[in-house]
């Protein structure tokens, strides 16, 4: 009985190895040939100060990444349409890019300069007083004088 059980166990393990190995191999091949995650999720965002601008090559650099401006790139500065020539070394830049041919980082959108607009201060501006400050608000009408 023990010999039969040992033979069945050995054959099961051997069968699993024979039939399982090709499946594991295909899974490894699929993982190796899969496109980059950024290609599947769309544009990648970036932010940082401009360290170089080359209007002849239509590129600018932020940190250690050099971005290429294409005909489809949307460039703004101070909430207005701009060109690469409007970029200034040292000013902040933020936007998004996709990887193009040959690994080029092609700009989809970029905004040069400091962020303009939006909420300032992070609190309510000109809002009602806080009830915790000791004041209360009511919408009840004033009481009529007695005797009327």
Protein backbone atom coordinates (compact mmCIF):
# COMPACT_ATOMS: atom_id res chain seq x y z
CA UNK A 1 0.00 0.00 0.00
CA UNK A 2 2.82 2.42 0.88
CA UNK A 3 4.60 1.62 -2.40
CA UNK A 4 1.43 2.31 -4.41
CA UNK A 5 0.84 5.59 -2.62
CA UNK A 6 4.47 6.60 -3.19
CA UNK A 7 4.17 5.79 -6.92
CA UNK A 8 0.95 7.82 -7.27
CA UNK A 9 2.48 10.79 -5.45
CA UNK A 10 5.62 10.63 -7.60
CA UNK A 11 3.61 10.44 -10.81
CA UNK A 12 1.42 13.39 -9.73
CA UNK A 13 4.44 15.56 -8.97
CA UNK A 14 6.07 14.57 -12.26
CA UNK A 15 2.87 15.31 -14.23
CA UNK A 16 2.53 18.71 -12.54
CA UNK A 17 6.13 19.56 -13.47
CA UNK A 18 5.67 18.49 -17.10
CA UNK A 19 2.37 20.30 -17.65
CA UNK A 20 3.08 23.30 -15.38
CA UNK A 21 6.48 24.29 -16.79
CA UNK A 22 5.20 25.52 -20.19
CA UNK A 23 2.49 27.58 -18.48
CA UNK A 24 5.07 29.24 -16.24
CA UNK A 25 7.31 29.85 -19.26
CA UNK A 26 4.47 31.54 -21.18
CA UNK A 27 3.67 33.71 -18.16
CA UNK A 28 7.31 34.83 -17.94
CA UNK A 29 7.36 35.61 -21.68
CA UNK A 30 4.17 37.65 -21.41
CA UNK A 31 5.61 39.68 -18.53
CA UNK A 32 8.82 40.34 -20.48
CA UNK A 33 7.05 41.40 -23.68
CA UNK A 34 4.38 43.52 -21.97
CA UNK A 35 4.41 47.24 -22.86
CA UNK A 36 5.53 49.69 -20.20
CA UNK A 37 2.93 50.58 -17.60
CA UNK A 38 3.07 54.27 -18.56
CA UNK A 39 2.01 53.37 -22.12
CA UNK A 40 -1.16 51.79 -20.78
CA UNK A 41 -2.09 54.52 -18.32
CA UNK A 42 -1.54 57.53 -20.57
CA UNK A 43 0.66 60.58 -20.06
CA UNK A 44 3.11 60.78 -17.17
CA UNK A 45 3.27 63.97 -15.10
CA UNK A 46 6.39 65.95 -14.23
CA UNK A 47 7.23 69.01 -12.13
CA UNK A 48 10.38 70.97 -11.38
CA UNK A 49 12.52 73.94 -12.30
CA UNK A 50 13.68 74.33 -15.90
CA UNK A 51 17.44 73.66 -16.05
CA UNK A 52 18.00 74.16 -19.82
CA UNK A 53 16.15 75.36 -22.93
CA UNK A 54 17.17 74.66 -26.55
CA UNK A 55 14.81 76.38 -29.00
CA UNK A 56 16.75 75.01 -32.02
CA UNK A 57 16.27 71.39 -30.95
CA UNK A 58 12.79 72.21 -29.51
CA UNK A 59 13.72 70.71 -26.13
CA UNK A 60 13.88 71.77 -22.51
CA UNK A 61 15.25 70.01 -19.46
CA UNK A 62 13.76 69.57 -16.01
CA UNK A 63 16.11 67.81 -13.61
CA UNK A 64 17.73 64.95 -15.53
CA UNK A 65 14.91 64.58 -18.09
CA UNK A 66 14.96 66.28 -21.49
CA UNK A 67 11.52 66.85 -23.03
CA UNK A 68 10.78 67.37 -26.73
CA UNK A 69 8.11 69.83 -27.87
CA UNK A 70 6.02 68.50 -30.78
CA UNK A 71 3.41 70.08 -33.01
CA UNK A 72 0.67 68.73 -30.75
CA UNK A 73 2.21 70.07 -27.51
CA UNK A 74 0.15 72.61 -25.58
CA UNK A 75 2.36 75.27 -23.97
CA UNK A 76 1.07 77.95 -21.58
CA UNK A 77 2.57 80.61 -19.34
CA UNK A 78 0.59 82.92 -17.04
CA UNK A 79 -2.61 81.22 -18.26
CA UNK A 80 -1.91 82.31 -21.86
CA UNK A 81 -0.70 80.40 -24.92
CA UNK A 82 3.09 80.44 -25.12
CA UNK A 83 6.04 79.05 -27.05
CA UNK A 84 9.20 77.27 -25.97
CA UNK A 85 11.03 80.61 -26.24
CA UNK A 86 8.92 81.83 -23.28
CA UNK A 87 10.53 79.25 -20.97
CA UNK A 88 13.10 80.68 -18.56
CA UNK A 89 15.84 78.66 -16.85
CA UNK A 90 15.10 78.45 -13.12
CA UNK A 91 11.34 78.93 -13.34
CA UNK A 92 9.00 76.06 -12.46
CA UNK A 93 7.50 73.86 -15.16
CA UNK A 94 4.78 71.25 -14.80
CA UNK A 95 2.94 69.13 -17.29
CA UNK A 96 2.66 65.72 -18.85
CA UNK A 97 4.50 63.68 -21.46
CA UNK A 98 4.41 60.39 -23.31
CA UNK A 99 7.30 58.24 -24.50
CA UNK A 100 7.70 58.59 -28.24
CA UNK A 101 9.86 56.98 -30.88
CA UNK A 102 13.35 56.14 -29.74
CA UNK A 103 12.46 56.78 -26.10
CA UNK A 104 11.95 60.54 -26.57
CA UNK A 105 9.88 62.21 -23.86
CA UNK A 106 7.29 64.11 -25.91
CA UNK A 107 5.35 66.88 -24.21
CA UNK A 108 1.57 66.74 -24.32
CA UNK A 109 1.01 69.77 -22.05
CA UNK A 110 3.37 72.07 -20.18
CA UNK A 111 2.86 75.21 -18.09
CA UNK A 112 5.84 77.45 -17.40
CA UNK A 113 6.05 79.84 -14.45
CA UNK A 114 4.42 79.93 -11.05
CA UNK A 115 0.86 78.70 -10.65
CA UNK A 116 -1.67 81.50 -10.99
CA UNK A 117 -5.19 81.53 -9.59
CA UNK A 118 -6.90 78.87 -7.57
CA UNK A 119 -7.86 79.02 -3.92
CA UNK A 120 -5.61 81.04 -1.67
CA UNK A 121 -5.17 80.47 2.03
CA UNK A 122 -7.09 77.22 2.08
CA UNK A 123 -9.93 78.62 4.20
CA UNK A 124 -13.27 80.30 3.81
CA UNK A 125 -12.91 83.85 2.58
CA UNK A 126 -15.57 86.20 3.90
CA UNK A 127 -17.63 83.37 5.32
CA UNK A 128 -19.88 83.33 8.37
CA UNK A 129 -18.34 83.47 11.81
CA UNK A 130 -17.59 80.22 13.51
CA UNK A 131 -20.11 79.24 16.19
CA UNK A 132 -17.23 78.14 18.38
CA UNK A 133 -16.08 81.76 18.59
CA UNK A 134 -18.96 82.63 20.91
CA UNK A 135 -21.33 84.18 18.38
CA UNK A 136 -24.51 82.55 17.23
CA UNK A 137 -26.64 83.06 14.19
CA UNK A 138 -30.36 82.60 14.08
CA UNK A 139 -32.89 83.08 11.37
CA UNK A 140 -35.77 83.51 13.85
CA UNK A 141 -37.69 86.80 13.67
CA UNK A 142 -37.20 89.26 16.47
CA UNK A 143 -39.75 88.94 19.31
CA UNK A 144 -42.57 91.47 19.21
CA UNK A 145 -42.75 93.80 22.23
CA UNK A 146 -45.22 92.75 24.86
CA UNK A 147 -48.58 94.37 24.83
CA UNK A 148 -48.99 94.61 21.10
